[in-house]
Amino acid sequence: MSDDGTPEKTSTSPALGRRALMLGAVGASAVLSIRPALAQTAGSVLACEIPVPDPARAGSYIAPDGATVASGTPGAFAPPGRAFRGEEVKRALSGAQQLPGTTREANQAYLNYIRRLQRGQGGFTCFASLQMPRG
């Protein structure tokens, strides 16, 4: 309101209207491009790999609690011959199946190792991605 009590006039320029339309169009295209990206991401998460142990600890054995220990430690398990794919880990974590090529005890030790992964360790990003809820 102005000083004399009358409502102030506001002007809406045609440029402002065009800008709003452009922003709406950009937003709509972003939504259309995000959906396929999410589907692609879900597929890539299942294809990612988790090395056990990570390359920084190569040659270490895995104790039943998931800790890395010196090679040959009694009761510990030799590393598997390859990294596990995200899809394999996801199924094993849910109890649907064991990690490929493992005994029941080695499977549990490897899953304990995977659950203990920390930021900066090989496989952490893959494991963290498996934990994300999918919509």
N, C-alpha and C. Protein backbone atom coordinates (compact mmCIF):
# COMPACT_ATOMS: atom_id res chain seq x y z
N MET A 1 0.84 -1.18 0.00
CA MET A 1 0.00 0.00 0.00
C MET A 1 0.88 1.23 0.00
N SER A 2 0.38 2.25 -0.67
CA SER A 2 1.14 3.49 -0.71
C SER A 2 0.83 4.32 0.53
N ASP A 3 1.51 5.46 0.65
CA ASP A 3 1.31 6.31 1.82
C ASP A 3 -0.11 6.84 1.93
N ASP A 4 -0.81 6.99 0.79
CA ASP A 4 -2.16 7.55 0.85
C ASP A 4 -3.24 6.49 1.02
N GLY A 5 -2.84 5.18 1.24
CA GLY A 5 -3.81 4.13 1.52
C GLY A 5 -4.30 3.40 0.29
N THR A 6 -3.86 3.79 -0.90
CA THR A 6 -4.30 3.08 -2.10
C THR A 6 -3.33 1.94 -2.40
N PRO A 7 -3.85 0.86 -2.95
CA PRO A 7 -2.96 -0.27 -3.25
C PRO A 7 -1.94 0.12 -4.31
N GLU A 8 -0.72 -0.36 -4.13
CA GLU A 8 0.31 -0.08 -5.12
C GLU A 8 0.09 -0.98 -6.32
N LYS A 9 0.43 -0.45 -7.48
CA LYS A 9 0.30 -1.23 -8.70
C LYS A 9 1.59 -2.00 -8.90
N THR A 10 1.42 -3.24 -9.27
CA THR A 10 2.60 -4.05 -9.61
C THR A 10 2.53 -4.33 -11.10
N SER A 11 3.66 -4.33 -11.71
CA SER A 11 3.67 -4.60 -13.15
C SER A 11 4.28 -5.96 -13.38
N THR A 12 3.69 -6.69 -14.27
CA THR A 12 4.22 -7.97 -14.67
C THR A 12 4.64 -7.84 -16.12
N SER A 13 5.92 -7.98 -16.34
CA SER A 13 6.41 -7.81 -17.70
C SER A 13 6.28 -9.11 -18.46
N PRO A 14 6.17 -9.02 -19.77
CA PRO A 14 6.11 -10.24 -20.58
C PRO A 14 7.38 -11.07 -20.41
N ALA A 15 8.53 -10.42 -20.15
CA ALA A 15 9.78 -11.16 -19.98
C ALA A 15 9.70 -12.06 -18.76
N LEU A 16 9.06 -11.58 -17.69
CA LEU A 16 8.93 -12.38 -16.48
C LEU A 16 8.08 -13.62 -16.74
N GLY A 17 7.04 -13.48 -17.50
CA GLY A 17 6.18 -14.61 -17.85
C GLY A 17 6.94 -15.63 -18.68
N ARG A 18 7.73 -15.14 -19.64
CA ARG A 18 8.51 -16.06 -20.47
C ARG A 18 9.54 -16.80 -19.62
N ARG A 19 10.14 -16.08 -18.68
CA ARG A 19 11.14 -16.70 -17.81
C ARG A 19 10.50 -17.83 -16.99
N ALA A 20 9.31 -17.59 -16.47
CA ALA A 20 8.61 -18.61 -15.69
C ALA A 20 8.30 -19.83 -16.55
N LEU A 21 7.87 -19.59 -17.79
CA LEU A 21 7.59 -20.70 -18.70
C LEU A 21 8.85 -21.50 -19.00
N MET A 22 9.97 -20.80 -19.19
CA MET A 22 11.23 -21.48 -19.48
C MET A 22 11.67 -22.34 -18.30
N LEU A 23 11.52 -21.80 -17.10
CA LEU A 23 11.90 -22.57 -15.91
C LEU A 23 11.03 -23.81 -15.78
N GLY A 24 9.75 -23.67 -16.09
CA GLY A 24 8.85 -24.83 -16.05
C GLY A 24 9.26 -25.89 -17.05
N ALA A 25 9.66 -25.45 -18.24
CA ALA A 25 10.08 -26.40 -19.27
C ALA A 25 11.36 -27.11 -18.86
N VAL A 26 12.29 -26.37 -18.26
CA VAL A 26 13.54 -26.98 -17.80
C VAL A 26 13.24 -28.00 -16.71
N GLY A 27 12.35 -27.67 -15.80
CA GLY A 27 12.00 -28.59 -14.73
C GLY A 27 11.36 -29.87 -15.26
N ALA A 28 10.48 -29.74 -16.24
CA ALA A 28 9.83 -30.91 -16.82
C ALA A 28 10.85 -31.81 -17.52
N SER A 29 11.79 -31.21 -18.23
CA SER A 29 12.78 -32.05 -18.92
C SER A 29 13.70 -32.72 -17.92
N ALA A 30 13.96 -32.07 -16.79
CA ALA A 30 14.80 -32.69 -15.77
C ALA A 30 14.12 -33.92 -15.20
N VAL A 31 12.81 -33.84 -14.97
CA VAL A 31 12.07 -34.99 -14.44
C VAL A 31 12.10 -36.13 -15.45
N LEU A 32 11.93 -35.81 -16.72
CA LEU A 32 11.94 -36.85 -17.75
C LEU A 32 13.30 -37.52 -17.87
N SER A 33 14.38 -36.77 -17.65
CA SER A 33 15.71 -37.36 -17.79
C SER A 33 16.17 -38.07 -16.52
N ILE A 34 15.60 -37.77 -15.36
CA ILE A 34 16.02 -38.40 -14.12
C ILE A 34 15.50 -39.83 -14.02
N ARG A 35 14.28 -40.09 -14.45
CA ARG A 35 13.72 -41.44 -14.33
C ARG A 35 14.58 -42.50 -15.03
N PRO A 36 14.97 -42.31 -16.30
CA PRO A 36 15.84 -43.32 -16.92
C PRO A 36 17.18 -43.41 -16.21
N ALA A 37 17.69 -42.31 -15.70
CA ALA A 37 18.97 -42.34 -15.00
C ALA A 37 18.86 -43.17 -13.73
N LEU A 38 17.74 -43.08 -13.02
CA LEU A 38 17.54 -43.89 -11.82
C LEU A 38 17.49 -45.37 -12.15
N ALA A 39 16.81 -45.70 -13.25
CA ALA A 39 16.74 -47.10 -13.67
C ALA A 39 18.13 -47.60 -14.02
N GLN A 40 18.90 -46.78 -14.72
CA GLN A 40 20.26 -47.17 -15.10
C GLN A 40 21.13 -47.32 -13.85
N THR A 41 20.96 -46.43 -12.89
CA THR A 41 21.74 -46.49 -11.65
C THR A 41 21.44 -47.77 -10.90
N ALA A 42 20.16 -48.16 -10.82
CA ALA A 42 19.80 -49.39 -10.11
C ALA A 42 20.50 -50.57 -10.76
N GLY A 43 20.57 -50.61 -12.07
CA GLY A 43 21.26 -51.69 -12.76
C GLY A 43 22.75 -51.67 -12.51
N SER A 44 23.34 -50.48 -12.48
CA SER A 44 24.79 -50.41 -12.27
C SER A 44 25.16 -50.76 -10.84
N VAL A 45 24.27 -50.51 -9.89
CA VAL A 45 24.54 -50.87 -8.50
C VAL A 45 24.66 -52.38 -8.39
N LEU A 46 23.80 -53.10 -9.08
CA LEU A 46 23.85 -54.56 -9.01
C LEU A 46 25.07 -55.12 -9.73
N ALA A 47 25.65 -54.34 -10.64
CA ALA A 47 26.83 -54.79 -11.38
C ALA A 47 28.14 -54.34 -10.74
N CYS A 48 28.09 -53.46 -9.74
CA CYS A 48 29.32 -52.99 -9.10
C CYS A 48 29.98 -54.15 -8.38
N GLU A 49 31.23 -53.96 -7.97
CA GLU A 49 31.97 -55.05 -7.35
C GLU A 49 32.52 -54.67 -5.98
N ILE A 50 32.59 -55.69 -5.12
CA ILE A 50 33.15 -55.51 -3.78
C ILE A 50 34.27 -56.53 -3.62
N PRO A 51 35.52 -56.07 -3.61
CA PRO A 51 36.63 -56.99 -3.39
C PRO A 51 36.73 -57.35 -1.90
N VAL A 52 37.05 -58.61 -1.62
CA VAL A 52 37.21 -59.07 -0.24
C VAL A 52 38.56 -59.76 -0.14
N PRO A 53 39.50 -59.17 0.55
CA PRO A 53 39.51 -57.81 1.09
C PRO A 53 39.78 -56.78 -0.01
N ASP A 54 39.74 -55.52 0.35
CA ASP A 54 39.99 -54.46 -0.63
C ASP A 54 41.47 -54.49 -1.02
N PRO A 55 41.83 -53.86 -2.15
CA PRO A 55 43.21 -53.93 -2.64
C PRO A 55 44.28 -53.50 -1.63
N ALA A 56 43.96 -52.59 -0.74
CA ALA A 56 44.94 -52.14 0.26
C ALA A 56 45.29 -53.26 1.25
N ARG A 57 44.43 -54.25 1.36
CA ARG A 57 44.66 -55.35 2.29
C ARG A 57 44.81 -56.68 1.56
N ALA A 58 45.15 -56.62 0.27
CA ALA A 58 45.29 -57.83 -0.55
C ALA A 58 46.23 -58.81 0.13
N GLY A 59 45.85 -60.07 0.10
CA GLY A 59 46.66 -61.11 0.72
C GLY A 59 46.25 -61.40 2.16
N SER A 60 45.49 -60.50 2.77
CA SER A 60 45.01 -60.74 4.14
C SER A 60 43.90 -61.79 4.12
N TYR A 61 43.75 -62.47 5.23
CA TYR A 61 42.66 -63.41 5.42
C TYR A 61 41.52 -62.67 6.12
N ILE A 62 40.35 -63.29 6.14
CA ILE A 62 39.19 -62.70 6.78
C ILE A 62 38.81 -63.55 7.99
N ALA A 63 38.82 -62.93 9.17
CA ALA A 63 38.43 -63.61 10.41
C ALA A 63 36.90 -63.78 10.42
N PRO A 64 36.38 -64.71 11.21
CA PRO A 64 34.93 -64.91 11.27
C PRO A 64 34.14 -63.64 11.58
N ASP A 65 34.72 -62.71 12.34
CA ASP A 65 34.01 -61.46 12.67
C ASP A 65 34.11 -60.41 11.56
N GLY A 66 34.84 -60.74 10.48
CA GLY A 66 34.97 -59.81 9.36
C GLY A 66 36.23 -58.97 9.38
N ALA A 67 37.03 -59.10 10.42
CA ALA A 67 38.29 -58.33 10.48
C ALA A 67 39.30 -58.94 9.53
N THR A 68 40.20 -58.11 9.01
CA THR A 68 41.29 -58.65 8.20
C THR A 68 42.43 -59.04 9.13
N VAL A 69 43.00 -60.21 8.88
CA VAL A 69 44.07 -60.74 9.71
C VAL A 69 45.20 -61.23 8.82
N ALA A 70 46.32 -61.55 9.41
CA ALA A 70 47.48 -62.02 8.66
C ALA A 70 47.16 -63.31 7.92
N SER A 71 47.77 -63.45 6.77
CA SER A 71 47.62 -64.65 5.95
C SER A 71 47.97 -65.88 6.79
N GLY A 72 47.12 -66.91 6.71
CA GLY A 72 47.38 -68.14 7.43
C GLY A 72 46.90 -68.17 8.86
N THR A 73 46.24 -67.12 9.33
CA THR A 73 45.73 -67.10 10.70
C THR A 73 44.73 -68.24 10.90
N PRO A 74 44.94 -69.06 11.94
CA PRO A 74 44.00 -70.18 12.18
C PRO A 74 42.57 -69.68 12.37
N GLY A 75 41.63 -70.38 11.73
CA GLY A 75 40.21 -70.03 11.84
C GLY A 75 39.77 -68.95 10.89
N ALA A 76 40.71 -68.29 10.19
CA ALA A 76 40.36 -67.24 9.23
C ALA A 76 40.26 -67.85 7.83
N PHE A 77 39.65 -67.12 6.94
CA PHE A 77 39.38 -67.61 5.60
C PHE A 77 40.23 -66.88 4.57
N ALA A 78 40.77 -67.67 3.63
CA ALA A 78 41.53 -67.08 2.53
C ALA A 78 40.60 -66.22 1.70
N PRO A 79 41.11 -65.17 1.05
CA PRO A 79 40.25 -64.34 0.22
C PRO A 79 39.68 -65.15 -0.94
N PRO A 80 38.48 -64.79 -1.38
CA PRO A 80 37.91 -65.50 -2.53
C PRO A 80 38.74 -65.18 -3.78
N GLY A 81 38.56 -65.94 -4.81
CA GLY A 81 39.34 -65.76 -6.02
C GLY A 81 38.97 -64.54 -6.85
N ARG A 82 37.88 -63.89 -6.51
CA ARG A 82 37.42 -62.72 -7.27
C ARG A 82 36.55 -61.81 -6.40
N ALA A 83 36.32 -60.60 -6.91
CA ALA A 83 35.41 -59.68 -6.20
C ALA A 83 33.97 -60.18 -6.38
N PHE A 84 33.13 -59.85 -5.42
CA PHE A 84 31.72 -60.21 -5.53
C PHE A 84 30.95 -59.08 -6.19
N ARG A 85 30.00 -59.42 -7.04
CA ARG A 85 29.14 -58.41 -7.69
C ARG A 85 28.08 -57.94 -6.69
N GLY A 86 27.64 -56.71 -6.87
CA GLY A 86 26.63 -56.15 -5.99
C GLY A 86 25.39 -57.02 -5.90
N GLU A 87 24.99 -57.58 -7.02
CA GLU A 87 23.81 -58.44 -7.07
C GLU A 87 24.00 -59.67 -6.16
N GLU A 88 25.19 -60.27 -6.19
CA GLU A 88 25.47 -61.43 -5.35
C GLU A 88 25.45 -61.06 -3.87
N VAL A 89 26.05 -59.92 -3.56
CA VAL A 89 26.10 -59.46 -2.17
C VAL A 89 24.70 -59.15 -1.66
N LYS A 90 23.90 -58.50 -2.49
CA LYS A 90 22.55 -58.14 -2.08
C LYS A 90 21.74 -59.40 -1.74
N ARG A 91 21.83 -60.42 -2.59
CA ARG A 91 21.10 -61.67 -2.33
C ARG A 91 21.62 -62.36 -1.07
N ALA A 92 22.93 -62.36 -0.88
CA ALA A 92 23.51 -63.00 0.30
C ALA A 92 23.12 -62.26 1.57
N LEU A 93 23.12 -60.94 1.53
CA LEU A 93 22.73 -60.16 2.71
C LEU A 93 21.28 -60.41 3.09
N SER A 94 20.43 -60.65 2.09
CA SER A 94 19.02 -60.91 2.37
C SER A 94 18.77 -62.35 2.82
N GLY A 95 19.80 -63.20 2.72
CA GLY A 95 19.65 -64.59 3.11
C GLY A 95 19.11 -65.48 2.01
N ALA A 96 18.92 -64.93 0.82
CA ALA A 96 18.37 -65.70 -0.29
C ALA A 96 19.36 -66.73 -0.83
N GLN A 97 20.65 -66.46 -0.72
CA GLN A 97 21.68 -67.39 -1.17
C GLN A 97 23.01 -67.02 -0.56
N GLN A 98 23.98 -67.91 -0.67
CA GLN A 98 25.34 -67.63 -0.21
C GLN A 98 26.12 -66.95 -1.31
N LEU A 99 27.20 -66.30 -0.92
CA LEU A 99 28.12 -65.75 -1.91
C LEU A 99 28.68 -66.92 -2.71
N PRO A 100 28.89 -66.75 -4.01
CA PRO A 100 29.35 -67.86 -4.84
C PRO A 100 30.69 -68.44 -4.38
N GLY A 101 30.76 -69.77 -4.40
CA GLY A 101 32.00 -70.46 -4.08
C GLY A 101 32.41 -70.44 -2.62
N THR A 102 31.46 -70.20 -1.72
CA THR A 102 31.81 -70.11 -0.30
C THR A 102 31.13 -71.21 0.50
N THR A 103 31.75 -71.56 1.60
CA THR A 103 31.10 -72.42 2.59
C THR A 103 30.21 -71.52 3.45
N ARG A 104 29.40 -72.14 4.28
CA ARG A 104 28.53 -71.34 5.14
C ARG A 104 29.34 -70.42 6.05
N GLU A 105 30.45 -70.93 6.59
CA GLU A 105 31.27 -70.16 7.52
C GLU A 105 32.02 -69.03 6.79
N ALA A 106 32.58 -69.34 5.63
CA ALA A 106 33.29 -68.31 4.85
C ALA A 106 32.31 -67.23 4.38
N ASN A 107 31.12 -67.65 3.96
CA ASN A 107 30.09 -66.70 3.53
C ASN A 107 29.81 -65.70 4.65
N GLN A 108 29.64 -66.21 5.87
CA GLN A 108 29.33 -65.33 7.01
C GLN A 108 30.50 -64.39 7.30
N ALA A 109 31.73 -64.90 7.23
CA ALA A 109 32.90 -64.06 7.48
C ALA A 109 33.00 -62.95 6.42
N TYR A 110 32.81 -63.31 5.15
CA TYR A 110 32.89 -62.32 4.07
C TYR A 110 31.79 -61.27 4.21
N LEU A 111 30.58 -61.70 4.57
CA LEU A 111 29.49 -60.73 4.77
C LEU A 111 29.80 -59.82 5.96
N ASN A 112 30.38 -60.37 7.01
CA ASN A 112 30.78 -59.53 8.16
C ASN A 112 31.82 -58.51 7.72
N TYR A 113 32.76 -58.93 6.89
CA TYR A 113 33.77 -58.00 6.36
C TYR A 113 33.08 -56.88 5.57
N ILE A 114 32.17 -57.26 4.70
CA ILE A 114 31.48 -56.28 3.85
C ILE A 114 30.69 -55.30 4.71
N ARG A 115 30.02 -55.79 5.72
CA ARG A 115 29.24 -54.91 6.61
C ARG A 115 30.13 -53.90 7.34
N ARG A 116 31.40 -54.25 7.55
CA ARG A 116 32.34 -53.38 8.27
C ARG A 116 33.05 -52.38 7.37
N LEU A 117 32.79 -52.42 6.06
CA LEU A 117 33.48 -51.50 5.14
C LEU A 117 33.27 -50.05 5.56
N GLN A 118 34.32 -49.27 5.42
CA GLN A 118 34.30 -47.85 5.76
C GLN A 118 34.61 -47.01 4.53
N ARG A 119 34.22 -45.77 4.56
CA ARG A 119 34.54 -44.84 3.47
C ARG A 119 36.04 -44.89 3.19
N GLY A 120 36.38 -44.97 1.92
CA GLY A 120 37.77 -45.01 1.52
C GLY A 120 38.28 -46.42 1.23
N GLN A 121 37.54 -47.43 1.68
CA GLN A 121 37.93 -48.81 1.39
C GLN A 121 37.32 -49.24 0.06
N GLY A 122 38.04 -50.08 -0.66
CA GLY A 122 37.51 -50.61 -1.91
C GLY A 122 36.21 -51.35 -1.68
N GLY A 123 35.19 -51.06 -2.47
CA GLY A 123 33.89 -51.71 -2.34
C GLY A 123 32.91 -50.96 -1.48
N PHE A 124 33.37 -49.94 -0.74
CA PHE A 124 32.46 -49.22 0.16
C PHE A 124 31.31 -48.56 -0.60
N THR A 125 31.62 -47.90 -1.70
CA THR A 125 30.58 -47.18 -2.46
C THR A 125 29.54 -48.16 -2.98
N CYS A 126 29.99 -49.29 -3.47
CA CYS A 126 29.07 -50.31 -3.95
C CYS A 126 28.16 -50.79 -2.80
N PHE A 127 28.77 -51.12 -1.67
CA PHE A 127 27.99 -51.60 -0.53
C PHE A 127 27.00 -50.53 -0.06
N ALA A 128 27.45 -49.28 0.02
CA ALA A 128 26.57 -48.20 0.44
C ALA A 128 25.39 -48.06 -0.53
N SER A 129 25.66 -48.22 -1.81
CA SER A 129 24.60 -48.13 -2.82
C SER A 129 23.58 -49.24 -2.64
N LEU A 130 24.02 -50.40 -2.23
CA LEU A 130 23.09 -51.51 -2.02
C LEU A 130 22.15 -51.24 -0.85
N GLN A 131 22.59 -50.39 0.08
CA GLN A 131 21.80 -50.07 1.26
C GLN A 131 20.73 -49.01 1.00
N MET A 132 20.86 -48.28 -0.12
CA MET A 132 19.92 -47.21 -0.44
C MET A 132 18.58 -47.80 -0.82
N PRO A 133 17.49 -47.25 -0.27
CA PRO A 133 16.16 -47.74 -0.66
C PRO A 133 15.89 -47.37 -2.12
N ARG A 134 15.26 -48.26 -2.82
CA ARG A 134 14.90 -48.02 -4.23
C ARG A 134 13.44 -47.68 -4.30
N GLY A 135 13.11 -46.64 -5.08
CA GLY A 135 11.72 -46.23 -5.18
C GLY A 135 11.04 -46.66 -6.41
